[in-house]
Amino acid sequence: MGEIGKEAFRKTMGQFCTGVVVATAFDDKQPIGLTLQSFVSISLDPLLVGISPGKSSVTWPLIREVGKFCINILAHDQKSICEAMSKSGKDKFMNIDWNLSQRGFPVFPGNIATTECDIESEYDAGDHTIVIGRVTDFELNDHEKDPLAFFRGAYGTFI
C-alpha cells in the first residue's frame, strides 16, 4: 500500500469518533497504564470486552504478564491522564491522581466507569493484537459526565 496509502487510510479511519480509555494493571512494584482508543463490548453472556494494543507497545507485554487489566473510561476533563498514559517509559503515574481498586487495579478518580478483566484470549491482527477480556467486575461512576473522545486527530467531547 505504501506510506501514502497508509496515511490516507489513517485519515479515513480518523473520521470515526472513538472513546478514549486507559488499560491499567499493577505488577507488585508499580502501576502500569496504556492509552487505547480501541475498546468494545464483545458479549453479554459471558461478559467479554475487547481491546487492541499495538505490537510496538512496551507497556502491553507488562500488562499481559500480570494476566488481567482494568479499563478506565475517561471523562472529557481527563485528557492529561490520556496523554500521560500514551507516553513510553516509566513514571507515567508520577503526576496523576490515582487509587487502587478493591481488586488492586489502578483507577483514576473522576472516570466515567471501570471494567476489570482477566485476559481470556489474544489474536494476531497485523501490527496490533486483539485481546479479549473476561469481565470480573465493573462500576459505573458517573453517567452524567461527557466522555473524552478522539476524532480527526483531536481530543474533545464532540457531543
N, C-alpha and C. Protein backbone atom coordinates (compact mmCIF):
# COMPACT_ATOMS: atom_id res chain seq x y z
N MET A 1 0.83 -1.19 0.00
CA MET A 1 0.00 0.00 0.00
C MET A 1 0.87 1.26 0.00
N GLY A 2 2.04 1.19 0.61
CA GLY A 2 2.92 2.35 0.64
C GLY A 2 2.54 3.34 1.71
N GLU A 3 3.45 4.25 2.01
CA GLU A 3 3.23 5.24 3.08
C GLU A 3 2.07 6.18 2.77
N ILE A 4 1.92 6.57 1.50
CA ILE A 4 0.83 7.48 1.13
C ILE A 4 -0.50 6.80 1.36
N GLY A 5 -0.60 5.52 0.98
CA GLY A 5 -1.84 4.78 1.20
C GLY A 5 -2.15 4.58 2.67
N LYS A 6 -1.13 4.32 3.48
CA LYS A 6 -1.33 4.15 4.92
C LYS A 6 -1.81 5.44 5.56
N GLU A 7 -1.23 6.56 5.15
CA GLU A 7 -1.64 7.86 5.71
C GLU A 7 -3.08 8.20 5.30
N ALA A 8 -3.42 7.90 4.05
CA ALA A 8 -4.79 8.14 3.58
C ALA A 8 -5.77 7.26 4.35
N PHE A 9 -5.38 6.00 4.62
CA PHE A 9 -6.25 5.11 5.38
C PHE A 9 -6.42 5.62 6.82
N ARG A 10 -5.32 6.08 7.42
CA ARG A 10 -5.39 6.65 8.78
C ARG A 10 -6.33 7.85 8.80
N LYS A 11 -6.25 8.71 7.79
CA LYS A 11 -7.14 9.87 7.72
C LYS A 11 -8.59 9.43 7.57
N THR A 12 -8.81 8.42 6.74
CA THR A 12 -10.16 7.89 6.55
C THR A 12 -10.72 7.35 7.85
N MET A 13 -9.93 6.55 8.57
CA MET A 13 -10.38 5.98 9.84
C MET A 13 -10.56 7.05 10.91
N GLY A 14 -9.84 8.16 10.78
CA GLY A 14 -9.98 9.27 11.71
C GLY A 14 -11.34 9.96 11.65
N GLN A 15 -12.13 9.61 10.63
CA GLN A 15 -13.47 10.16 10.51
C GLN A 15 -14.46 9.46 11.44
N PHE A 16 -13.99 8.39 12.08
CA PHE A 16 -14.83 7.65 13.02
C PHE A 16 -14.45 8.09 14.44
N CYS A 17 -15.39 8.64 15.15
CA CYS A 17 -15.17 9.12 16.51
C CYS A 17 -15.09 7.93 17.47
N THR A 18 -14.04 7.93 18.30
CA THR A 18 -13.89 6.85 19.29
C THR A 18 -13.79 7.44 20.69
N GLY A 19 -14.10 6.63 21.66
CA GLY A 19 -13.85 6.99 23.04
C GLY A 19 -12.39 6.74 23.37
N VAL A 20 -11.97 7.21 24.53
CA VAL A 20 -10.59 7.01 24.96
C VAL A 20 -10.62 6.33 26.33
N VAL A 21 -9.83 5.25 26.44
CA VAL A 21 -9.74 4.51 27.69
C VAL A 21 -8.27 4.32 28.05
N VAL A 22 -8.04 3.98 29.30
CA VAL A 22 -6.71 3.60 29.74
C VAL A 22 -6.81 2.23 30.39
N ALA A 23 -6.03 1.28 29.87
CA ALA A 23 -5.92 -0.05 30.49
C ALA A 23 -4.84 0.04 31.56
N THR A 24 -5.14 -0.48 32.76
CA THR A 24 -4.18 -0.44 33.85
C THR A 24 -4.01 -1.81 34.48
N ALA A 25 -2.89 -1.98 35.15
CA ALA A 25 -2.61 -3.17 35.94
C ALA A 25 -1.59 -2.76 37.00
N PHE A 26 -1.31 -3.68 37.92
CA PHE A 26 -0.30 -3.43 38.95
C PHE A 26 0.54 -4.69 39.05
N ASP A 27 1.86 -4.54 38.95
CA ASP A 27 2.73 -5.72 38.89
C ASP A 27 3.53 -5.95 40.16
N ASP A 28 2.99 -5.68 41.32
CA ASP A 28 3.63 -5.84 42.63
C ASP A 28 4.64 -4.74 42.94
N LYS A 29 5.13 -4.03 41.94
CA LYS A 29 6.10 -2.98 42.17
C LYS A 29 5.57 -1.61 41.78
N GLN A 30 4.83 -1.58 40.69
CA GLN A 30 4.41 -0.29 40.15
C GLN A 30 3.12 -0.41 39.36
N PRO A 31 2.41 0.72 39.21
CA PRO A 31 1.24 0.74 38.35
C PRO A 31 1.67 0.78 36.89
N ILE A 32 0.85 0.21 36.04
CA ILE A 32 1.11 0.15 34.60
C ILE A 32 -0.12 0.74 33.91
N GLY A 33 0.08 1.57 32.88
CA GLY A 33 -1.05 2.15 32.16
C GLY A 33 -0.78 2.32 30.69
N LEU A 34 -1.83 2.17 29.89
CA LEU A 34 -1.74 2.23 28.43
C LEU A 34 -3.00 2.87 27.86
N THR A 35 -2.84 3.97 27.13
CA THR A 35 -3.98 4.62 26.48
C THR A 35 -4.39 3.83 25.25
N LEU A 36 -5.71 3.66 25.08
CA LEU A 36 -6.26 2.94 23.94
C LEU A 36 -7.49 3.67 23.42
N GLN A 37 -7.71 3.62 22.13
CA GLN A 37 -8.98 4.09 21.59
C GLN A 37 -9.77 2.94 21.01
N SER A 38 -9.24 1.74 21.16
CA SER A 38 -9.96 0.55 20.72
C SER A 38 -10.46 -0.19 21.96
N PHE A 39 -11.75 -0.07 22.21
CA PHE A 39 -12.40 -0.75 23.32
C PHE A 39 -13.82 -1.04 22.89
N VAL A 40 -14.24 -2.30 23.04
CA VAL A 40 -15.55 -2.67 22.55
C VAL A 40 -16.15 -3.75 23.43
N SER A 41 -17.47 -3.69 23.59
CA SER A 41 -18.20 -4.76 24.24
C SER A 41 -18.32 -5.90 23.23
N ILE A 42 -17.95 -7.11 23.66
CA ILE A 42 -17.99 -8.27 22.77
C ILE A 42 -19.21 -9.15 23.03
N SER A 43 -19.49 -9.43 24.31
CA SER A 43 -20.53 -10.39 24.65
C SER A 43 -21.15 -10.06 26.00
N LEU A 44 -22.45 -10.33 26.13
CA LEU A 44 -23.14 -10.19 27.41
C LEU A 44 -23.21 -11.52 28.16
N ASP A 45 -23.03 -12.63 27.45
CA ASP A 45 -23.08 -13.94 28.09
C ASP A 45 -22.08 -14.88 27.45
N PRO A 46 -20.87 -14.98 27.98
CA PRO A 46 -20.37 -14.33 29.19
C PRO A 46 -20.00 -12.87 28.90
N LEU A 47 -19.75 -12.11 29.97
CA LEU A 47 -19.35 -10.71 29.81
C LEU A 47 -17.92 -10.67 29.28
N LEU A 48 -17.78 -10.19 28.03
CA LEU A 48 -16.47 -10.07 27.39
C LEU A 48 -16.33 -8.70 26.75
N VAL A 49 -15.11 -8.15 26.81
CA VAL A 49 -14.77 -6.91 26.12
C VAL A 49 -13.52 -7.14 25.29
N GLY A 50 -13.24 -6.21 24.38
CA GLY A 50 -12.05 -6.32 23.56
C GLY A 50 -11.26 -5.02 23.53
N ILE A 51 -9.95 -5.15 23.46
CA ILE A 51 -9.04 -4.04 23.26
C ILE A 51 -8.04 -4.45 22.19
N SER A 52 -7.30 -3.49 21.67
CA SER A 52 -6.36 -3.81 20.60
C SER A 52 -5.08 -2.99 20.73
N PRO A 53 -4.16 -3.41 21.60
CA PRO A 53 -2.89 -2.69 21.74
C PRO A 53 -1.97 -2.95 20.54
N GLY A 54 -1.15 -1.97 20.24
CA GLY A 54 -0.18 -2.12 19.16
C GLY A 54 0.94 -3.06 19.56
N LYS A 55 1.47 -3.79 18.59
CA LYS A 55 2.56 -4.72 18.88
C LYS A 55 3.84 -4.01 19.25
N SER A 56 3.96 -2.74 18.91
CA SER A 56 5.16 -1.98 19.26
C SER A 56 5.10 -1.45 20.70
N SER A 57 3.98 -1.63 21.36
CA SER A 57 3.82 -1.15 22.74
C SER A 57 4.79 -1.88 23.67
N VAL A 58 5.48 -1.12 24.50
CA VAL A 58 6.32 -1.74 25.53
C VAL A 58 5.51 -1.96 26.81
N THR A 59 4.35 -1.33 26.90
CA THR A 59 3.51 -1.45 28.09
C THR A 59 2.62 -2.68 28.05
N TRP A 60 2.05 -3.01 26.87
CA TRP A 60 1.14 -4.15 26.81
C TRP A 60 1.78 -5.45 27.30
N PRO A 61 3.03 -5.78 26.94
CA PRO A 61 3.62 -7.01 27.46
C PRO A 61 3.68 -7.05 29.00
N LEU A 62 3.82 -5.91 29.64
CA LEU A 62 3.83 -5.85 31.10
C LEU A 62 2.45 -6.19 31.66
N ILE A 63 1.40 -5.65 31.00
CA ILE A 63 0.03 -5.95 31.43
C ILE A 63 -0.28 -7.42 31.15
N ARG A 64 0.13 -7.92 29.98
CA ARG A 64 -0.09 -9.33 29.63
C ARG A 64 0.50 -10.25 30.70
N GLU A 65 1.68 -9.91 31.18
CA GLU A 65 2.36 -10.73 32.19
C GLU A 65 1.55 -10.79 33.48
N VAL A 66 0.87 -9.70 33.83
CA VAL A 66 0.01 -9.69 35.02
C VAL A 66 -1.20 -10.60 34.80
N GLY A 67 -1.70 -10.66 33.57
CA GLY A 67 -2.80 -11.56 33.22
C GLY A 67 -4.18 -10.98 33.41
N LYS A 68 -4.25 -9.72 33.81
CA LYS A 68 -5.54 -9.06 33.99
C LYS A 68 -5.34 -7.56 33.83
N PHE A 69 -6.45 -6.86 33.58
CA PHE A 69 -6.37 -5.42 33.37
C PHE A 69 -7.68 -4.75 33.76
N CYS A 70 -7.60 -3.45 33.94
CA CYS A 70 -8.78 -2.64 34.23
C CYS A 70 -8.89 -1.56 33.18
N ILE A 71 -10.06 -1.40 32.61
CA ILE A 71 -10.31 -0.32 31.66
C ILE A 71 -10.93 0.85 32.43
N ASN A 72 -10.29 2.00 32.33
CA ASN A 72 -10.81 3.26 32.86
C ASN A 72 -11.40 4.03 31.68
N ILE A 73 -12.71 4.22 31.66
CA ILE A 73 -13.33 5.02 30.60
C ILE A 73 -13.19 6.48 31.02
N LEU A 74 -12.41 7.22 30.24
CA LEU A 74 -12.06 8.58 30.63
C LEU A 74 -13.17 9.59 30.34
N ALA A 75 -13.28 10.56 31.23
CA ALA A 75 -14.22 11.67 31.06
C ALA A 75 -13.54 12.78 30.26
N HIS A 76 -14.34 13.71 29.77
CA HIS A 76 -13.85 14.79 28.91
C HIS A 76 -12.76 15.63 29.56
N ASP A 77 -12.73 15.69 30.88
CA ASP A 77 -11.74 16.51 31.58
C ASP A 77 -10.50 15.72 32.00
N GLN A 78 -10.30 14.54 31.44
CA GLN A 78 -9.16 13.69 31.81
C GLN A 78 -8.15 13.52 30.68
N LYS A 79 -8.05 14.53 29.84
CA LYS A 79 -7.09 14.48 28.72
C LYS A 79 -5.65 14.34 29.23
N SER A 80 -5.33 14.95 30.36
CA SER A 80 -3.96 14.87 30.88
C SER A 80 -3.61 13.42 31.25
N ILE A 81 -4.58 12.65 31.72
CA ILE A 81 -4.35 11.23 32.02
C ILE A 81 -4.09 10.47 30.72
N CYS A 82 -4.91 10.75 29.72
CA CYS A 82 -4.75 10.12 28.41
C CYS A 82 -3.34 10.37 27.86
N GLU A 83 -2.91 11.60 27.92
CA GLU A 83 -1.59 11.96 27.38
C GLU A 83 -0.47 11.32 28.18
N ALA A 84 -0.59 11.30 29.51
CA ALA A 84 0.46 10.70 30.35
C ALA A 84 0.59 9.21 30.08
N MET A 85 -0.54 8.53 29.91
CA MET A 85 -0.52 7.07 29.72
C MET A 85 -0.17 6.68 28.28
N SER A 86 -0.17 7.64 27.37
CA SER A 86 0.18 7.33 25.98
C SER A 86 1.69 7.43 25.72
N LYS A 87 2.42 7.95 26.67
CA LYS A 87 3.87 8.08 26.51
C LYS A 87 4.58 6.77 26.86
N SER A 88 5.72 6.56 26.25
CA SER A 88 6.53 5.39 26.58
C SER A 88 7.36 5.69 27.81
N GLY A 89 7.76 4.63 28.48
CA GLY A 89 8.65 4.78 29.62
C GLY A 89 7.96 4.63 30.95
N LYS A 90 8.75 4.81 31.99
CA LYS A 90 8.26 4.65 33.35
C LYS A 90 7.76 5.99 33.89
N ASP A 91 7.28 5.96 35.10
CA ASP A 91 6.81 7.16 35.81
C ASP A 91 5.60 7.82 35.15
N LYS A 92 4.79 7.06 34.43
CA LYS A 92 3.58 7.62 33.83
C LYS A 92 2.62 8.13 34.90
N PHE A 93 2.66 7.54 36.07
CA PHE A 93 1.70 7.86 37.13
C PHE A 93 2.21 8.95 38.08
N MET A 94 3.40 9.47 37.83
CA MET A 94 4.05 10.38 38.77
C MET A 94 3.19 11.60 39.13
N ASN A 95 2.61 12.26 38.16
CA ASN A 95 1.83 13.48 38.42
C ASN A 95 0.34 13.28 38.19
N ILE A 96 -0.11 12.03 38.31
CA ILE A 96 -1.50 11.68 38.05
C ILE A 96 -2.15 11.20 39.36
N ASP A 97 -3.38 11.66 39.62
CA ASP A 97 -4.13 11.21 40.78
C ASP A 97 -4.74 9.84 40.47
N TRP A 98 -4.43 8.84 41.30
CA TRP A 98 -4.96 7.51 41.10
C TRP A 98 -5.07 6.78 42.44
N ASN A 99 -5.91 5.75 42.46
CA ASN A 99 -6.11 4.90 43.64
C ASN A 99 -6.08 3.44 43.19
N LEU A 100 -6.01 2.53 44.16
CA LEU A 100 -6.15 1.11 43.84
C LEU A 100 -7.59 0.68 44.09
N SER A 101 -8.14 -0.06 43.15
CA SER A 101 -9.48 -0.62 43.33
C SER A 101 -9.40 -1.75 44.36
N GLN A 102 -10.54 -2.29 44.75
CA GLN A 102 -10.57 -3.38 45.72
C GLN A 102 -9.80 -4.60 45.22
N ARG A 103 -9.75 -4.80 43.91
CA ARG A 103 -9.01 -5.94 43.35
C ARG A 103 -7.57 -5.58 42.98
N GLY A 104 -7.14 -4.36 43.32
CA GLY A 104 -5.74 -3.99 43.12
C GLY A 104 -5.38 -3.38 41.78
N PHE A 105 -6.35 -2.78 41.09
CA PHE A 105 -6.08 -2.12 39.82
C PHE A 105 -5.96 -0.61 40.02
N PRO A 106 -5.04 0.04 39.33
CA PRO A 106 -5.02 1.50 39.34
C PRO A 106 -6.27 2.05 38.66
N VAL A 107 -6.95 2.95 39.35
CA VAL A 107 -8.13 3.62 38.79
C VAL A 107 -7.97 5.12 38.99
N PHE A 108 -8.57 5.88 38.08
CA PHE A 108 -8.46 7.33 38.10
C PHE A 108 -9.76 7.95 38.62
N PRO A 109 -9.70 8.65 39.75
CA PRO A 109 -10.90 9.32 40.26
C PRO A 109 -11.47 10.26 39.19
N GLY A 110 -12.78 10.28 39.08
CA GLY A 110 -13.43 11.13 38.10
C GLY A 110 -13.67 10.46 36.77
N ASN A 111 -13.24 9.18 36.63
CA ASN A 111 -13.53 8.49 35.37
C ASN A 111 -15.02 8.19 35.28
N ILE A 112 -15.48 7.85 34.11
CA ILE A 112 -16.90 7.55 33.91
C ILE A 112 -17.24 6.17 34.43
N ALA A 113 -16.37 5.20 34.14
CA ALA A 113 -16.63 3.82 34.54
C ALA A 113 -15.33 3.02 34.50
N THR A 114 -15.35 1.88 35.17
CA THR A 114 -14.23 0.94 35.11
C THR A 114 -14.77 -0.45 34.80
N THR A 115 -13.95 -1.22 34.11
CA THR A 115 -14.27 -2.60 33.80
C THR A 115 -13.02 -3.43 34.07
N GLU A 116 -13.08 -4.33 35.04
CA GLU A 116 -11.94 -5.17 35.41
C GLU A 116 -12.07 -6.52 34.72
N CYS A 117 -10.95 -6.99 34.16
CA CYS A 117 -10.99 -8.18 33.31
C CYS A 117 -9.79 -9.09 33.55
N ASP A 118 -10.02 -10.38 33.34
CA ASP A 118 -8.94 -11.35 33.19
C ASP A 118 -8.72 -11.53 31.69
N ILE A 119 -7.48 -11.70 31.28
CA ILE A 119 -7.21 -11.93 29.86
C ILE A 119 -7.74 -13.31 29.48
N GLU A 120 -8.68 -13.33 28.55
CA GLU A 120 -9.31 -14.56 28.08
C GLU A 120 -8.54 -15.16 26.91
N SER A 121 -8.22 -14.31 25.92
CA SER A 121 -7.50 -14.78 24.74
C SER A 121 -6.91 -13.61 23.98
N GLU A 122 -5.97 -13.93 23.10
CA GLU A 122 -5.32 -12.92 22.25
C GLU A 122 -5.25 -13.46 20.83
N TYR A 123 -5.36 -12.55 19.87
CA TYR A 123 -5.32 -12.91 18.45
C TYR A 123 -4.40 -11.96 17.71
N ASP A 124 -3.60 -12.51 16.82
CA ASP A 124 -2.72 -11.71 15.98
C ASP A 124 -3.57 -10.92 15.00
N ALA A 125 -3.27 -9.62 14.85
CA ALA A 125 -4.03 -8.77 13.93
C ALA A 125 -3.10 -7.73 13.30
N GLY A 126 -2.23 -8.16 12.40
CA GLY A 126 -1.32 -7.23 11.74
C GLY A 126 -0.35 -6.61 12.72
N ASP A 127 -0.35 -5.29 12.80
CA ASP A 127 0.56 -4.61 13.72
C ASP A 127 -0.06 -4.39 15.10
N HIS A 128 -1.19 -5.02 15.36
CA HIS A 128 -1.86 -4.96 16.65
C HIS A 128 -2.19 -6.37 17.14
N THR A 129 -2.61 -6.46 18.38
CA THR A 129 -3.09 -7.70 18.97
C THR A 129 -4.52 -7.46 19.44
N ILE A 130 -5.43 -8.35 19.10
CA ILE A 130 -6.80 -8.26 19.61
C ILE A 130 -6.84 -9.07 20.91
N VAL A 131 -7.22 -8.40 21.98
CA VAL A 131 -7.25 -9.02 23.30
C VAL A 131 -8.70 -9.09 23.77
N ILE A 132 -9.12 -10.27 24.16
CA ILE A 132 -10.46 -10.46 24.73
C ILE A 132 -10.30 -10.57 26.24
N GLY A 133 -11.04 -9.73 26.96
CA GLY A 133 -11.02 -9.76 28.42
C GLY A 133 -12.33 -10.26 28.97
N ARG A 134 -12.26 -11.19 29.93
CA ARG A 134 -13.46 -11.67 30.63
C ARG A 134 -13.71 -10.76 31.81
N VAL A 135 -14.85 -10.10 31.82
CA VAL A 135 -15.17 -9.11 32.85
C VAL A 135 -15.37 -9.80 34.19
N THR A 136 -14.65 -9.32 35.20
CA THR A 136 -14.76 -9.86 36.56
C THR A 136 -15.46 -8.88 37.50
N ASP A 137 -15.46 -7.62 37.13
CA ASP A 137 -16.14 -6.58 37.92
C ASP A 137 -16.25 -5.34 37.06
N PHE A 138 -17.22 -4.50 37.37
CA PHE A 138 -17.36 -3.23 36.66
C PHE A 138 -18.08 -2.25 37.57
N GLU A 139 -17.88 -0.97 37.29
CA GLU A 139 -18.53 0.06 38.10
C GLU A 139 -18.80 1.28 37.23
N LEU A 140 -20.05 1.74 37.27
CA LEU A 140 -20.43 2.98 36.62
C LEU A 140 -20.27 4.07 37.67
N ASN A 141 -19.35 4.98 37.44
CA ASN A 141 -19.04 6.00 38.44
C ASN A 141 -19.81 7.29 38.23
N ASP A 142 -19.96 7.72 36.98
CA ASP A 142 -20.64 8.99 36.73
C ASP A 142 -21.20 9.00 35.31
N HIS A 143 -22.45 8.57 35.16
CA HIS A 143 -23.04 8.50 33.83
C HIS A 143 -23.47 9.87 33.30
N GLU A 144 -23.33 10.91 34.08
CA GLU A 144 -23.69 12.26 33.66
C GLU A 144 -22.55 12.97 32.93
N LYS A 145 -21.31 12.52 33.13
CA LYS A 145 -20.15 13.16 32.51
C LYS A 145 -20.08 12.85 31.02
N ASP A 146 -19.55 13.81 30.26
CA ASP A 146 -19.28 13.57 28.85
C ASP A 146 -17.97 12.80 28.73
N PRO A 147 -17.87 11.92 27.74
CA PRO A 147 -16.65 11.13 27.56
C PRO A 147 -15.55 11.94 26.87
N LEU A 148 -14.32 11.51 27.07
CA LEU A 148 -13.21 12.02 26.27
C LEU A 148 -13.27 11.27 24.95
N ALA A 149 -13.34 12.00 23.86
CA ALA A 149 -13.45 11.40 22.54
C ALA A 149 -12.26 11.81 21.68
N PHE A 150 -12.00 11.00 20.65
CA PHE A 150 -10.92 11.27 19.71
C PHE A 150 -11.52 11.25 18.32
N PHE A 151 -11.34 12.35 17.56
CA PHE A 151 -11.96 12.48 16.25
C PHE A 151 -11.09 13.38 15.38
N ARG A 152 -10.75 12.90 14.20
CA ARG A 152 -9.93 13.65 13.25
C ARG A 152 -8.62 14.17 13.87
N GLY A 153 -8.02 13.30 14.70
CA GLY A 153 -6.73 13.63 15.28
C GLY A 153 -6.75 14.57 16.47
N ALA A 154 -7.95 14.83 17.02
CA ALA A 154 -8.06 15.76 18.14
C ALA A 154 -8.94 15.19 19.24
N TYR A 155 -8.69 15.64 20.46
CA TYR A 155 -9.50 15.24 21.61
C TYR A 155 -10.60 16.26 21.84
N GLY A 156 -11.71 15.81 22.40
CA GLY A 156 -12.81 16.70 22.73
C GLY A 156 -13.99 15.88 23.20
N THR A 157 -15.15 16.50 23.26
CA THR A 157 -16.36 15.77 23.62
C THR A 157 -17.21 15.50 22.38
N PHE A 158 -17.29 16.44 21.47
CA PHE A 158 -18.00 16.28 20.21
C PHE A 158 -19.46 15.88 20.39
N ILE A 159 -20.01 16.17 21.58
CA ILE A 159 -21.43 15.83 21.81
C ILE A 159 -22.20 17.10 22.05
